[in-house]
Amino acid sequence: MNINEWSIDDRPREKLERLGAQALSNAELLAILIGSGSTRQSAVDLMKDVLRDCNNNLNTLGKMSIHDLEQYHGMGPAKAITILAACELGKRRSAEAAEKRQDLGSATAVYNYMHPRMQDLDVEEAWILLMNQNFKLIKAVRISHGGITETAVDVRVIMKEALMVNATVMALCHNHPSGNNTPSRLDDKLTERIRKACDIMRIYFLDHVIVCDGAYYSYREKGRL
């Protein structure tokens, strides 16, 4: 039976979406990959049979061949290849060191991170840098291109991005292609709006940094935050 024909509560894809990947069993995760089982059993039951023969060990599963997997009813070459590709990706992931998160706890660090991305721009762009409580970067998001007027930057979208990644610290950064790093009245107004939104959501608004080629302006360093 195809997974799409199951009861919603039993569908591993929907379960993953609701509860996260960590809530699924190995068989359920593998069932998502193969999509369907056979006329005899569901994809989850098929993968339970395969895993049972591997002593429920994913390393053992990864050592199986395409031919080995094809011996199971409902397991064609495409499904077997998908499973082995996933096992190989898991092996490569475990062999790699976790990516080191950028430390952006100061205006200088924010400038050094964003300057290479902004130095050749001929229009204004605004970015938010979302961080954890240790000022380690979680995600950098471009929120506008071509200006940072109130119509171009939606504070609601900014806060949504922060909440989606559980950020507790945020910095705003934009460039002045003119080379003049003095903030405008619009810059001031946007800074205040974001500061108020962060206060409400209990997110620390670290800074608003204006990037120019070779110089920057920091609201935090100037005592304006």
Protein backbone atom coordinates (compact mmCIF):
# COMPACT_ATOMS: atom_id res chain seq x y z
CA MET A 1 0.00 0.00 0.00
CA ASN A 2 1.25 3.51 -0.84
CA ILE A 3 1.92 5.74 2.17
CA ASN A 4 -0.53 8.34 0.83
CA GLU A 5 -3.34 5.80 1.30
CA TRP A 6 -2.67 5.30 5.01
CA SER A 7 -4.56 6.94 7.83
CA ILE A 8 -3.03 10.36 8.48
CA ASP A 9 -2.03 9.35 12.00
CA ASP A 10 -0.06 6.41 10.61
CA ARG A 11 1.78 8.25 7.85
CA PRO A 12 5.46 8.62 8.73
CA ARG A 13 5.83 11.77 6.60
CA GLU A 14 3.08 13.55 8.49
CA LYS A 15 4.44 12.21 11.77
CA LEU A 16 7.86 13.65 10.97
CA GLU A 17 6.31 17.01 10.09
CA ARG A 18 4.34 17.09 13.35
CA LEU A 19 6.89 15.68 15.78
CA GLY A 20 10.30 15.90 14.10
CA ALA A 21 12.53 13.20 12.64
CA GLN A 22 13.74 12.07 16.07
CA ALA A 23 10.23 10.79 16.90
CA LEU A 24 10.28 8.20 14.10
CA SER A 25 11.68 4.68 14.29
CA ASN A 26 14.34 3.53 11.85
CA ALA A 27 11.72 1.53 9.99
CA GLU A 28 9.47 4.58 9.65
CA LEU A 29 12.33 6.76 8.39
CA LEU A 30 13.28 4.13 5.82
CA ALA A 31 9.64 3.73 4.82
CA ILE A 32 9.57 7.42 3.88
CA LEU A 33 12.46 6.77 1.52
CA ILE A 34 10.94 3.79 -0.27
CA GLY A 35 7.41 5.26 -0.35
CA SER A 36 5.46 2.03 -0.59
CA GLY A 37 5.60 -1.62 0.40
CA SER A 38 3.85 -4.41 -1.44
CA THR A 39 0.44 -6.00 -1.69
CA ARG A 40 1.42 -8.10 1.32
CA GLN A 41 2.65 -5.42 3.72
CA SER A 42 3.17 -1.74 4.28
CA ALA A 43 6.44 0.07 3.70
CA VAL A 44 7.05 0.21 7.46
CA ASP A 45 6.45 -3.53 7.88
CA LEU A 46 8.72 -4.25 4.93
CA MET A 47 11.51 -2.22 6.49
CA LYS A 48 10.92 -3.88 9.86
CA ASP A 49 11.55 -7.24 8.18
CA VAL A 50 14.75 -5.96 6.57
CA LEU A 51 15.99 -4.43 9.81
CA ARG A 52 15.14 -7.57 11.78
CA ASP A 53 17.42 -9.54 9.50
CA CYS A 54 20.12 -6.93 10.14
CA ASN A 55 19.70 -7.27 13.92
CA ASN A 56 18.20 -3.75 13.81
CA ASN A 57 21.65 -2.37 13.07
CA LEU A 58 21.92 0.36 10.44
CA ASN A 59 25.62 -0.34 9.91
CA THR A 60 24.72 -3.90 8.94
CA LEU A 61 21.99 -2.59 6.63
CA GLY A 62 24.53 -0.40 4.87
CA LYS A 63 26.67 -3.45 4.12
CA MET A 64 23.89 -5.19 2.22
CA SER A 65 24.02 -5.27 -1.55
CA ILE A 66 21.30 -4.28 -4.00
CA HIS A 67 20.85 -7.97 -4.75
CA ASP A 68 20.44 -8.77 -1.03
CA LEU A 69 17.70 -6.17 -0.63
CA GLU A 70 15.89 -7.26 -3.79
CA GLN A 71 15.21 -10.63 -2.18
CA TYR A 72 12.45 -8.99 -0.11
CA HIS A 73 9.01 -8.94 -1.71
CA GLY A 74 8.20 -5.40 -2.82
CA MET A 75 11.82 -4.26 -2.83
CA GLY A 76 12.87 -3.39 -6.37
CA PRO A 77 16.22 -2.00 -7.49
CA ALA A 78 15.12 1.64 -7.16
CA LYS A 79 14.13 1.19 -3.51
CA ALA A 80 17.27 -0.80 -2.75
CA ILE A 81 19.48 1.89 -4.30
CA THR A 82 17.65 4.61 -2.33
CA ILE A 83 18.25 2.79 0.96
CA LEU A 84 21.94 2.21 0.28
CA ALA A 85 22.40 5.83 -0.82
CA ALA A 86 20.85 6.99 2.46
CA CYS A 87 23.14 4.68 4.44
CA GLU A 88 26.17 6.05 2.60
CA LEU A 89 25.11 9.64 3.35
CA GLY A 90 24.75 8.74 7.03
CA LYS A 91 28.23 7.24 7.03
CA ARG A 92 29.72 10.33 5.39
CA ARG A 93 27.93 12.63 7.82
CA SER A 94 29.29 10.77 10.83
CA ALA A 95 32.80 11.04 9.38
CA GLU A 96 32.62 14.82 9.05
CA ALA A 97 33.16 17.29 11.86
CA ALA A 98 30.21 19.48 12.77
CA GLU A 99 30.35 22.83 11.04
CA LYS A 100 31.72 25.47 13.37
CA ARG A 101 29.24 28.26 13.94
CA GLN A 102 30.43 31.80 13.42
CA ASP A 103 30.81 33.90 16.57
CA LEU A 104 29.09 37.25 15.95
CA GLY A 105 29.12 38.77 19.42
CA SER A 106 30.47 42.17 18.37
CA ALA A 107 29.92 44.81 15.69
CA THR A 108 33.37 44.08 14.28
CA ALA A 109 32.52 40.38 13.96
CA VAL A 110 29.22 41.24 12.24
CA TYR A 111 31.03 43.58 9.86
CA ASN A 112 33.73 41.05 9.04
CA TYR A 113 31.09 38.41 8.33
CA MET A 114 28.85 40.59 6.16
CA HIS A 115 31.38 42.80 4.37
CA PRO A 116 32.43 40.16 1.80
CA ARG A 117 28.74 39.64 0.98
CA MET A 118 28.01 43.34 0.58
CA GLN A 119 31.16 45.08 -0.62
CA ASP A 120 30.30 44.92 -4.34
CA LEU A 121 26.57 45.61 -4.10
CA ASP A 122 25.28 48.67 -5.95
CA VAL A 123 21.93 48.60 -4.12
CA GLU A 124 20.99 48.33 -0.47
CA GLU A 125 20.34 44.93 1.06
CA ALA A 126 19.21 44.18 4.59
CA TRP A 127 20.03 40.95 6.43
CA ILE A 128 19.21 39.55 9.82
CA LEU A 129 21.74 37.40 11.65
CA LEU A 130 20.01 34.95 13.97
CA MET A 131 22.07 33.57 16.86
CA ASN A 132 21.90 31.46 19.97
CA GLN A 133 22.56 32.80 23.46
CA ASN A 134 26.32 32.38 22.96
CA PHE A 135 26.24 34.66 19.90
CA LYS A 136 26.89 31.73 17.58
CA LEU A 137 25.27 32.14 14.17
CA ILE A 138 22.28 29.93 13.47
CA LYS A 139 21.14 31.46 10.20
CA ALA A 140 21.70 34.56 8.05
CA VAL A 141 18.63 35.72 6.12
CA ARG A 142 18.39 38.43 3.47
CA ILE A 143 15.17 40.32 4.16
CA SER A 144 15.26 43.02 1.50
CA HIS A 145 17.01 43.91 -1.74
CA GLY A 146 16.97 47.39 -3.20
CA GLY A 147 16.22 49.36 -0.04
CA ILE A 148 15.14 49.12 3.58
CA THR A 149 12.01 51.25 3.63
CA GLU A 150 9.12 50.19 5.84
CA THR A 151 7.42 48.63 2.83
CA ALA A 152 10.54 46.62 1.96
CA VAL A 153 11.18 45.25 5.44
CA ASP A 154 8.37 43.43 7.22
CA VAL A 155 9.13 43.15 10.94
CA ARG A 156 6.61 40.32 11.24
CA VAL A 157 8.61 38.27 8.73
CA ILE A 158 11.80 39.00 10.68
CA MET A 159 10.30 37.78 13.94
CA LYS A 160 8.87 34.69 12.24
CA GLU A 161 12.33 33.78 10.92
CA ALA A 162 13.78 34.17 14.41
CA LEU A 163 11.12 32.05 16.06
CA MET A 164 11.40 29.28 13.47
CA VAL A 165 15.04 28.65 14.39
CA ASN A 166 14.65 29.36 18.13
CA ALA A 167 17.03 32.32 17.95
CA THR A 168 17.56 34.23 21.20
CA VAL A 169 19.84 36.92 19.73
CA MET A 170 19.42 38.95 16.56
CA ALA A 171 21.45 41.53 14.66
CA LEU A 172 20.29 43.63 11.73
CA CYS A 173 22.78 44.53 9.03
CA HIS A 174 22.51 46.56 5.86
CA ASN A 175 24.86 48.32 3.47
CA HIS A 176 25.21 51.87 2.18
CA PRO A 177 26.54 51.64 -1.39
CA SER A 178 27.31 55.38 -1.26
CA GLY A 179 30.11 54.73 1.22
CA ASN A 180 28.57 57.03 3.82
CA ASN A 181 27.96 55.00 6.94
CA THR A 182 25.84 57.64 8.70
CA PRO A 183 22.39 56.22 9.48
CA SER A 184 19.33 57.84 7.93
CA ARG A 185 16.03 58.65 9.62
CA LEU A 186 14.59 55.51 8.01
CA ASP A 187 17.45 53.48 9.47
CA ASP A 188 16.69 54.90 12.90
CA LYS A 189 12.97 54.21 12.55
CA LEU A 190 13.49 50.61 11.45
CA THR A 191 15.98 50.00 14.26
CA GLU A 192 13.46 51.17 16.82
CA ARG A 193 10.66 49.04 15.38
CA ILE A 194 12.81 45.91 15.44
CA ARG A 195 14.04 46.70 18.96
CA LYS A 196 10.46 46.95 20.22
CA ALA A 197 9.48 43.69 18.48
CA CYS A 198 12.49 41.91 19.99
CA ASP A 199 11.60 43.22 23.46
CA ILE A 200 8.10 41.79 23.13
CA MET A 201 9.40 38.42 21.95
CA ARG A 202 12.23 38.37 24.51
CA ILE A 203 14.93 38.25 21.83
CA TYR A 204 18.12 40.20 22.50
CA PHE A 205 18.61 42.79 19.75
CA LEU A 206 22.38 42.80 19.59
CA ASP A 207 23.01 45.52 17.03
CA HIS A 208 22.15 47.23 13.79
CA VAL A 209 25.33 47.48 11.75
CA ILE A 210 25.60 49.62 8.62
CA VAL A 211 28.27 48.23 6.31
CA CYS A 212 30.39 50.31 3.96
CA ASP A 213 33.59 49.37 2.19
CA GLY A 214 36.23 49.70 4.89
CA ALA A 215 33.98 51.18 7.58
CA TYR A 216 30.84 50.50 9.56
CA TYR A 217 28.35 52.14 11.90
CA SER A 218 27.15 50.27 14.98
CA TYR A 219 24.07 51.41 16.88
CA ARG A 220 25.31 49.38 19.87
CA GLU A 221 28.77 50.94 19.90
CA LYS A 222 27.26 54.40 19.59
CA GLY A 223 25.13 53.76 22.67
CA ARG A 224 21.87 53.84 20.74
CA LEU A 225 20.72 50.32 21.73
